[in-house]
Amino acid sequence: MSSNFAPHRIRARYLRALKSMPIPVSLADPPDPARLTVLGTEPVGDRLVHFGTVASAPRLWMALSGAGPAVEVDGRLLGYVTGLVVGEPDLWVCDGAHRDWVFDAANSRELKRAASRVWFSCVQDCEG
């Protein structure tokens, strides 16, 4: 009979918990959110998040919508998402002002899901 407290189960749960957490990162030269080529916009929690790319830094970037129209990105750059192609998204957070909001478990899960929806929708549109 195996216990729920067996070392291998504890390690597996710990690794899953670590994998689900956003990763803080400091960027020396982050892209200007207003220069993103927006691929999609999704509501996450109580905010509107734009997902887009910049030619000089090819990642799926996330930026908050500012006070302007929903199609304009004039808010703050949250960070970026990697690992979408292999189905294991990692959330990298570069904005300290919104770090607590992103680190909320529900928001970080929804950011990853929203990024996946935007990414795979764009892939499907590009492939026809």
N, C-alpha and C. Protein backbone atom coordinates (compact mmCIF):
# COMPACT_ATOMS: atom_id res chain seq x y z
N MET A 1 0.84 -1.17 0.00
CA MET A 1 0.00 0.00 0.00
C MET A 1 0.89 1.24 0.00
N SER A 2 0.58 2.19 -0.85
CA SER A 2 1.39 3.39 -1.01
C SER A 2 0.76 4.56 -0.26
N SER A 3 1.56 5.34 0.36
CA SER A 3 1.09 6.50 1.12
C SER A 3 1.07 7.75 0.24
N ASN A 4 0.15 8.67 0.57
CA ASN A 4 0.11 9.96 -0.14
C ASN A 4 1.32 10.80 0.19
N PHE A 5 2.05 10.42 1.24
CA PHE A 5 3.22 11.17 1.67
C PHE A 5 4.53 10.52 1.22
N ALA A 6 4.45 9.60 0.27
CA ALA A 6 5.64 8.96 -0.25
C ALA A 6 6.52 10.01 -0.91
N PRO A 7 7.85 9.90 -0.76
CA PRO A 7 8.76 10.93 -1.30
C PRO A 7 8.55 11.24 -2.79
N HIS A 8 8.30 10.23 -3.61
CA HIS A 8 8.13 10.50 -5.04
C HIS A 8 6.86 11.30 -5.32
N ARG A 9 5.81 11.07 -4.56
CA ARG A 9 4.58 11.84 -4.75
C ARG A 9 4.74 13.27 -4.27
N ILE A 10 5.43 13.44 -3.17
CA ILE A 10 5.68 14.78 -2.65
C ILE A 10 6.50 15.58 -3.64
N ARG A 11 7.56 14.97 -4.19
CA ARG A 11 8.40 15.65 -5.18
C ARG A 11 7.60 16.00 -6.43
N ALA A 12 6.75 15.08 -6.89
CA ALA A 12 5.95 15.34 -8.09
C ALA A 12 4.99 16.50 -7.87
N ARG A 13 4.34 16.56 -6.71
CA ARG A 13 3.43 17.67 -6.41
C ARG A 13 4.19 18.98 -6.31
N TYR A 14 5.35 18.93 -5.70
CA TYR A 14 6.18 20.13 -5.55
C TYR A 14 6.60 20.66 -6.92
N LEU A 15 7.04 19.77 -7.80
CA LEU A 15 7.45 20.19 -9.15
C LEU A 15 6.28 20.75 -9.95
N ARG A 16 5.08 20.16 -9.81
CA ARG A 16 3.90 20.69 -10.50
C ARG A 16 3.57 22.09 -9.99
N ALA A 17 3.67 22.27 -8.67
CA ALA A 17 3.40 23.60 -8.09
C ALA A 17 4.41 24.63 -8.58
N LEU A 18 5.68 24.26 -8.63
CA LEU A 18 6.71 25.17 -9.13
C LEU A 18 6.48 25.52 -10.59
N LYS A 19 6.13 24.53 -11.38
CA LYS A 19 5.93 24.73 -12.82
C LYS A 19 4.77 25.68 -13.10
N SER A 20 3.78 25.69 -12.22
CA SER A 20 2.61 26.53 -12.46
C SER A 20 2.83 27.99 -12.06
N MET A 21 3.89 28.28 -11.31
CA MET A 21 4.14 29.65 -10.85
C MET A 21 4.76 30.51 -11.95
N PRO A 22 4.37 31.78 -12.00
CA PRO A 22 5.03 32.71 -12.92
C PRO A 22 6.49 32.91 -12.52
N ILE A 23 7.32 33.25 -13.49
CA ILE A 23 8.76 33.42 -13.26
C ILE A 23 9.09 34.91 -13.37
N PRO A 24 9.58 35.52 -12.29
CA PRO A 24 9.97 36.93 -12.39
C PRO A 24 11.25 37.09 -13.22
N VAL A 25 11.30 38.13 -14.02
CA VAL A 25 12.46 38.37 -14.86
C VAL A 25 12.69 39.88 -14.97
N SER A 26 13.95 40.27 -14.99
CA SER A 26 14.30 41.68 -15.22
C SER A 26 14.84 41.81 -16.63
N LEU A 27 14.26 42.73 -17.39
CA LEU A 27 14.69 42.94 -18.77
C LEU A 27 15.47 44.23 -18.87
N ALA A 28 16.63 44.16 -19.51
CA ALA A 28 17.46 45.36 -19.69
C ALA A 28 16.81 46.34 -20.66
N ASP A 29 16.20 45.83 -21.72
CA ASP A 29 15.61 46.69 -22.74
C ASP A 29 14.27 46.11 -23.19
N PRO A 30 13.23 46.24 -22.36
CA PRO A 30 11.93 45.66 -22.76
C PRO A 30 11.33 46.42 -23.92
N PRO A 31 10.55 45.74 -24.75
CA PRO A 31 9.91 46.44 -25.88
C PRO A 31 8.84 47.40 -25.39
N ASP A 32 8.58 48.41 -26.18
CA ASP A 32 7.53 49.37 -25.88
C ASP A 32 6.19 48.70 -26.18
N PRO A 33 5.29 48.63 -25.18
CA PRO A 33 4.01 47.95 -25.41
C PRO A 33 3.21 48.56 -26.57
N ALA A 34 3.37 49.83 -26.82
CA ALA A 34 2.64 50.49 -27.90
C ALA A 34 3.10 50.00 -29.28
N ARG A 35 4.27 49.36 -29.34
CA ARG A 35 4.80 48.88 -30.63
C ARG A 35 4.49 47.42 -30.90
N LEU A 36 3.71 46.78 -30.01
CA LEU A 36 3.34 45.38 -30.23
C LEU A 36 2.45 45.23 -31.46
N THR A 37 2.70 44.18 -32.22
CA THR A 37 1.76 43.76 -33.25
C THR A 37 0.78 42.85 -32.53
N VAL A 38 -0.40 43.36 -32.25
CA VAL A 38 -1.37 42.63 -31.43
C VAL A 38 -1.97 41.48 -32.23
N LEU A 39 -1.84 40.27 -31.67
CA LEU A 39 -2.38 39.07 -32.28
C LEU A 39 -3.75 38.72 -31.73
N GLY A 40 -4.01 39.16 -30.51
CA GLY A 40 -5.30 38.89 -29.89
C GLY A 40 -5.43 39.61 -28.57
N THR A 41 -6.65 39.81 -28.15
CA THR A 41 -6.94 40.47 -26.89
C THR A 41 -7.93 39.60 -26.12
N GLU A 42 -7.63 39.39 -24.86
CA GLU A 42 -8.47 38.53 -24.02
C GLU A 42 -8.69 39.18 -22.67
N PRO A 43 -9.90 39.06 -22.11
CA PRO A 43 -10.10 39.51 -20.74
C PRO A 43 -9.52 38.46 -19.78
N VAL A 44 -8.77 38.92 -18.81
CA VAL A 44 -8.21 38.05 -17.77
C VAL A 44 -8.50 38.71 -16.44
N GLY A 45 -9.25 38.01 -15.61
CA GLY A 45 -9.65 38.62 -14.35
C GLY A 45 -10.45 39.87 -14.63
N ASP A 46 -10.03 40.96 -14.03
CA ASP A 46 -10.73 42.24 -14.21
C ASP A 46 -10.02 43.16 -15.20
N ARG A 47 -9.13 42.60 -16.01
CA ARG A 47 -8.33 43.43 -16.92
C ARG A 47 -8.38 42.89 -18.35
N LEU A 48 -8.04 43.76 -19.29
CA LEU A 48 -7.97 43.38 -20.69
C LEU A 48 -6.50 43.27 -21.06
N VAL A 49 -6.12 42.10 -21.58
CA VAL A 49 -4.71 41.83 -21.89
C VAL A 49 -4.56 41.64 -23.39
N HIS A 50 -3.57 42.35 -23.95
CA HIS A 50 -3.22 42.22 -25.36
C HIS A 50 -2.03 41.26 -25.47
N PHE A 51 -2.11 40.36 -26.43
CA PHE A 51 -1.02 39.44 -26.71
C PHE A 51 -0.46 39.79 -28.08
N GLY A 52 0.84 39.95 -28.17
CA GLY A 52 1.41 40.35 -29.44
C GLY A 52 2.88 40.05 -29.55
N THR A 53 3.45 40.43 -30.68
CA THR A 53 4.87 40.19 -30.95
C THR A 53 5.55 41.49 -31.33
N VAL A 54 6.85 41.45 -31.26
CA VAL A 54 7.71 42.54 -31.71
C VAL A 54 8.83 41.87 -32.49
N ALA A 55 9.12 42.37 -33.69
CA ALA A 55 10.12 41.74 -34.55
C ALA A 55 11.49 41.64 -33.88
N SER A 56 11.86 42.63 -33.09
CA SER A 56 13.19 42.63 -32.47
C SER A 56 13.28 41.71 -31.26
N ALA A 57 12.15 41.23 -30.75
CA ALA A 57 12.14 40.33 -29.59
C ALA A 57 11.01 39.32 -29.78
N PRO A 58 11.26 38.28 -30.61
CA PRO A 58 10.19 37.35 -30.99
C PRO A 58 9.74 36.42 -29.85
N ARG A 59 8.73 36.88 -29.13
CA ARG A 59 8.08 36.12 -28.08
C ARG A 59 6.61 36.51 -28.12
N LEU A 60 5.78 35.81 -27.39
CA LEU A 60 4.39 36.22 -27.25
C LEU A 60 4.31 37.10 -26.01
N TRP A 61 4.31 38.41 -26.25
CA TRP A 61 4.32 39.40 -25.18
C TRP A 61 2.90 39.67 -24.70
N MET A 62 2.78 40.10 -23.44
CA MET A 62 1.51 40.45 -22.85
C MET A 62 1.58 41.89 -22.35
N ALA A 63 0.55 42.66 -22.67
CA ALA A 63 0.48 44.04 -22.19
C ALA A 63 -0.94 44.34 -21.76
N LEU A 64 -1.07 45.14 -20.73
CA LEU A 64 -2.39 45.55 -20.28
C LEU A 64 -2.93 46.64 -21.18
N SER A 65 -4.23 46.64 -21.36
CA SER A 65 -4.87 47.72 -22.09
C SER A 65 -4.83 48.96 -21.22
N GLY A 66 -4.55 50.08 -21.83
CA GLY A 66 -4.54 51.34 -21.09
C GLY A 66 -5.91 51.95 -21.06
N ALA A 67 -5.95 53.23 -20.87
CA ALA A 67 -7.22 53.95 -20.77
C ALA A 67 -7.84 54.22 -22.13
N GLY A 68 -7.08 54.01 -23.20
CA GLY A 68 -7.59 54.30 -24.54
C GLY A 68 -8.49 53.20 -25.07
N PRO A 69 -8.79 53.24 -26.36
CA PRO A 69 -9.64 52.21 -26.97
C PRO A 69 -9.02 50.82 -26.81
N ALA A 70 -9.86 49.81 -26.85
CA ALA A 70 -9.41 48.43 -26.61
C ALA A 70 -8.38 47.95 -27.63
N VAL A 71 -8.37 48.54 -28.84
CA VAL A 71 -7.43 48.08 -29.85
C VAL A 71 -6.04 48.67 -29.66
N GLU A 72 -5.94 49.69 -28.82
CA GLU A 72 -4.63 50.31 -28.59
C GLU A 72 -3.99 49.74 -27.34
N VAL A 73 -2.70 49.50 -27.43
CA VAL A 73 -1.95 49.06 -26.27
C VAL A 73 -1.19 50.26 -25.75
N ASP A 74 -1.68 50.87 -24.72
CA ASP A 74 -0.96 51.99 -24.13
C ASP A 74 -0.79 51.79 -22.63
N GLY A 75 -0.92 50.54 -22.22
CA GLY A 75 -0.76 50.20 -20.81
C GLY A 75 0.64 49.71 -20.52
N ARG A 76 0.75 48.86 -19.54
CA ARG A 76 2.04 48.34 -19.08
C ARG A 76 2.34 46.98 -19.68
N LEU A 77 3.61 46.73 -19.94
CA LEU A 77 4.07 45.44 -20.41
C LEU A 77 4.13 44.49 -19.22
N LEU A 78 3.37 43.40 -19.26
CA LEU A 78 3.37 42.44 -18.16
C LEU A 78 4.55 41.49 -18.23
N GLY A 79 4.83 41.00 -19.43
CA GLY A 79 5.89 40.01 -19.61
C GLY A 79 5.62 39.23 -20.88
N TYR A 80 5.99 37.95 -20.86
CA TYR A 80 5.80 37.13 -22.05
C TYR A 80 5.56 35.68 -21.66
N VAL A 81 5.13 34.90 -22.65
CA VAL A 81 4.84 33.49 -22.46
C VAL A 81 5.72 32.69 -23.41
N THR A 82 6.33 31.63 -22.89
CA THR A 82 7.11 30.70 -23.72
C THR A 82 6.54 29.30 -23.54
N GLY A 83 6.97 28.37 -24.38
CA GLY A 83 6.58 26.97 -24.24
C GLY A 83 5.22 26.63 -24.80
N LEU A 84 4.61 27.54 -25.56
CA LEU A 84 3.28 27.26 -26.09
C LEU A 84 3.30 26.15 -27.13
N VAL A 85 4.34 26.09 -27.94
CA VAL A 85 4.42 25.10 -29.01
C VAL A 85 4.42 23.68 -28.46
N VAL A 86 5.09 23.48 -27.33
CA VAL A 86 5.17 22.14 -26.74
C VAL A 86 4.06 21.88 -25.73
N GLY A 87 3.16 22.85 -25.55
CA GLY A 87 2.03 22.66 -24.65
C GLY A 87 2.34 22.80 -23.18
N GLU A 88 3.48 23.42 -22.86
CA GLU A 88 3.86 23.64 -21.47
C GLU A 88 4.23 25.11 -21.29
N PRO A 89 3.23 25.98 -21.25
CA PRO A 89 3.51 27.42 -21.19
C PRO A 89 4.15 27.85 -19.88
N ASP A 90 5.15 28.71 -19.99
CA ASP A 90 5.78 29.36 -18.85
C ASP A 90 5.46 30.84 -18.94
N LEU A 91 5.14 31.42 -17.82
CA LEU A 91 4.77 32.82 -17.74
C LEU A 91 5.92 33.60 -17.11
N TRP A 92 6.50 34.52 -17.87
CA TRP A 92 7.63 35.34 -17.42
C TRP A 92 7.11 36.75 -17.15
N VAL A 93 7.28 37.25 -15.95
CA VAL A 93 6.70 38.52 -15.53
C VAL A 93 7.81 39.55 -15.36
N CYS A 94 7.70 40.68 -16.08
CA CYS A 94 8.74 41.71 -16.00
C CYS A 94 8.26 43.00 -15.35
N ASP A 95 6.96 43.12 -15.07
CA ASP A 95 6.43 44.35 -14.49
C ASP A 95 6.15 44.16 -13.00
N GLY A 96 6.96 44.81 -12.18
CA GLY A 96 6.80 44.70 -10.74
C GLY A 96 5.51 45.30 -10.22
N ALA A 97 4.99 46.31 -10.91
CA ALA A 97 3.77 46.99 -10.46
C ALA A 97 2.56 46.05 -10.50
N HIS A 98 2.56 45.10 -11.40
CA HIS A 98 1.42 44.18 -11.55
C HIS A 98 1.79 42.75 -11.16
N ARG A 99 2.93 42.57 -10.54
CA ARG A 99 3.39 41.23 -10.18
C ARG A 99 2.42 40.50 -9.26
N ASP A 100 1.87 41.18 -8.25
CA ASP A 100 0.93 40.53 -7.34
C ASP A 100 -0.31 40.04 -8.08
N TRP A 101 -0.81 40.85 -9.02
CA TRP A 101 -1.97 40.44 -9.80
C TRP A 101 -1.65 39.21 -10.65
N VAL A 102 -0.49 39.21 -11.30
CA VAL A 102 -0.11 38.08 -12.15
C VAL A 102 0.15 36.83 -11.31
N PHE A 103 0.73 37.00 -10.12
CA PHE A 103 1.06 35.86 -9.27
C PHE A 103 -0.17 35.24 -8.61
N ASP A 104 -1.32 35.91 -8.67
CA ASP A 104 -2.55 35.29 -8.19
C ASP A 104 -2.78 34.04 -9.04
N ALA A 105 -2.98 32.91 -8.39
CA ALA A 105 -3.05 31.63 -9.10
C ALA A 105 -4.10 31.63 -10.20
N ALA A 106 -5.28 32.18 -9.93
CA ALA A 106 -6.34 32.20 -10.94
C ALA A 106 -5.94 33.05 -12.14
N ASN A 107 -5.31 34.19 -11.91
CA ASN A 107 -4.89 35.06 -13.01
C ASN A 107 -3.77 34.44 -13.82
N SER A 108 -2.80 33.82 -13.17
CA SER A 108 -1.69 33.22 -13.93
C SER A 108 -2.18 32.04 -14.77
N ARG A 109 -3.10 31.24 -14.22
CA ARG A 109 -3.67 30.14 -15.02
C ARG A 109 -4.42 30.69 -16.23
N GLU A 110 -5.23 31.74 -16.00
CA GLU A 110 -6.01 32.30 -17.09
C GLU A 110 -5.13 33.01 -18.12
N LEU A 111 -4.05 33.64 -17.68
CA LEU A 111 -3.11 34.24 -18.64
C LEU A 111 -2.52 33.17 -19.56
N LYS A 112 -2.14 32.03 -18.99
CA LYS A 112 -1.59 30.94 -19.81
C LYS A 112 -2.63 30.41 -20.78
N ARG A 113 -3.86 30.23 -20.30
CA ARG A 113 -4.93 29.74 -21.18
C ARG A 113 -5.23 30.73 -22.29
N ALA A 114 -5.30 32.01 -21.94
CA ALA A 114 -5.58 33.04 -22.94
C ALA A 114 -4.46 33.11 -23.97
N ALA A 115 -3.21 33.02 -23.51
CA ALA A 115 -2.07 33.03 -24.43
C ALA A 115 -2.14 31.84 -25.38
N SER A 116 -2.51 30.68 -24.87
CA SER A 116 -2.64 29.49 -25.71
C SER A 116 -3.74 29.67 -26.76
N ARG A 117 -4.87 30.23 -26.34
CA ARG A 117 -5.97 30.46 -27.30
C ARG A 117 -5.52 31.40 -28.42
N VAL A 118 -4.88 32.49 -28.04
CA VAL A 118 -4.42 33.46 -29.04
C VAL A 118 -3.39 32.83 -29.95
N TRP A 119 -2.40 32.16 -29.37
CA TRP A 119 -1.32 31.56 -30.15
C TRP A 119 -1.85 30.55 -31.16
N PHE A 120 -2.67 29.59 -30.69
CA PHE A 120 -3.13 28.54 -31.60
C PHE A 120 -4.16 29.05 -32.59
N SER A 121 -4.89 30.09 -32.27
CA SER A 121 -5.78 30.72 -33.23
C SER A 121 -4.98 31.35 -34.36
N CYS A 122 -3.86 32.01 -34.00
CA CYS A 122 -2.99 32.63 -35.01
C CYS A 122 -2.33 31.57 -35.88
N VAL A 123 -1.89 30.49 -35.26
CA VAL A 123 -1.25 29.40 -36.02
C VAL A 123 -2.26 28.83 -37.01
N GLN A 124 -3.49 28.59 -36.56
CA GLN A 124 -4.51 28.05 -37.43
C GLN A 124 -4.82 29.00 -38.59
N ASP A 125 -4.91 30.30 -38.30
CA ASP A 125 -5.18 31.29 -39.35
C ASP A 125 -4.05 31.34 -40.36
N CYS A 126 -2.80 31.25 -39.87
CA CYS A 126 -1.63 31.33 -40.76
C CYS A 126 -1.49 30.09 -41.64
N GLU A 127 -1.85 28.94 -41.09
CA GLU A 127 -1.72 27.69 -41.85
C GLU A 127 -2.89 27.45 -42.77
N GLY A 128 -3.95 28.21 -42.58
CA GLY A 128 -5.11 28.13 -43.46
C GLY A 128 -6.04 27.09 -43.03
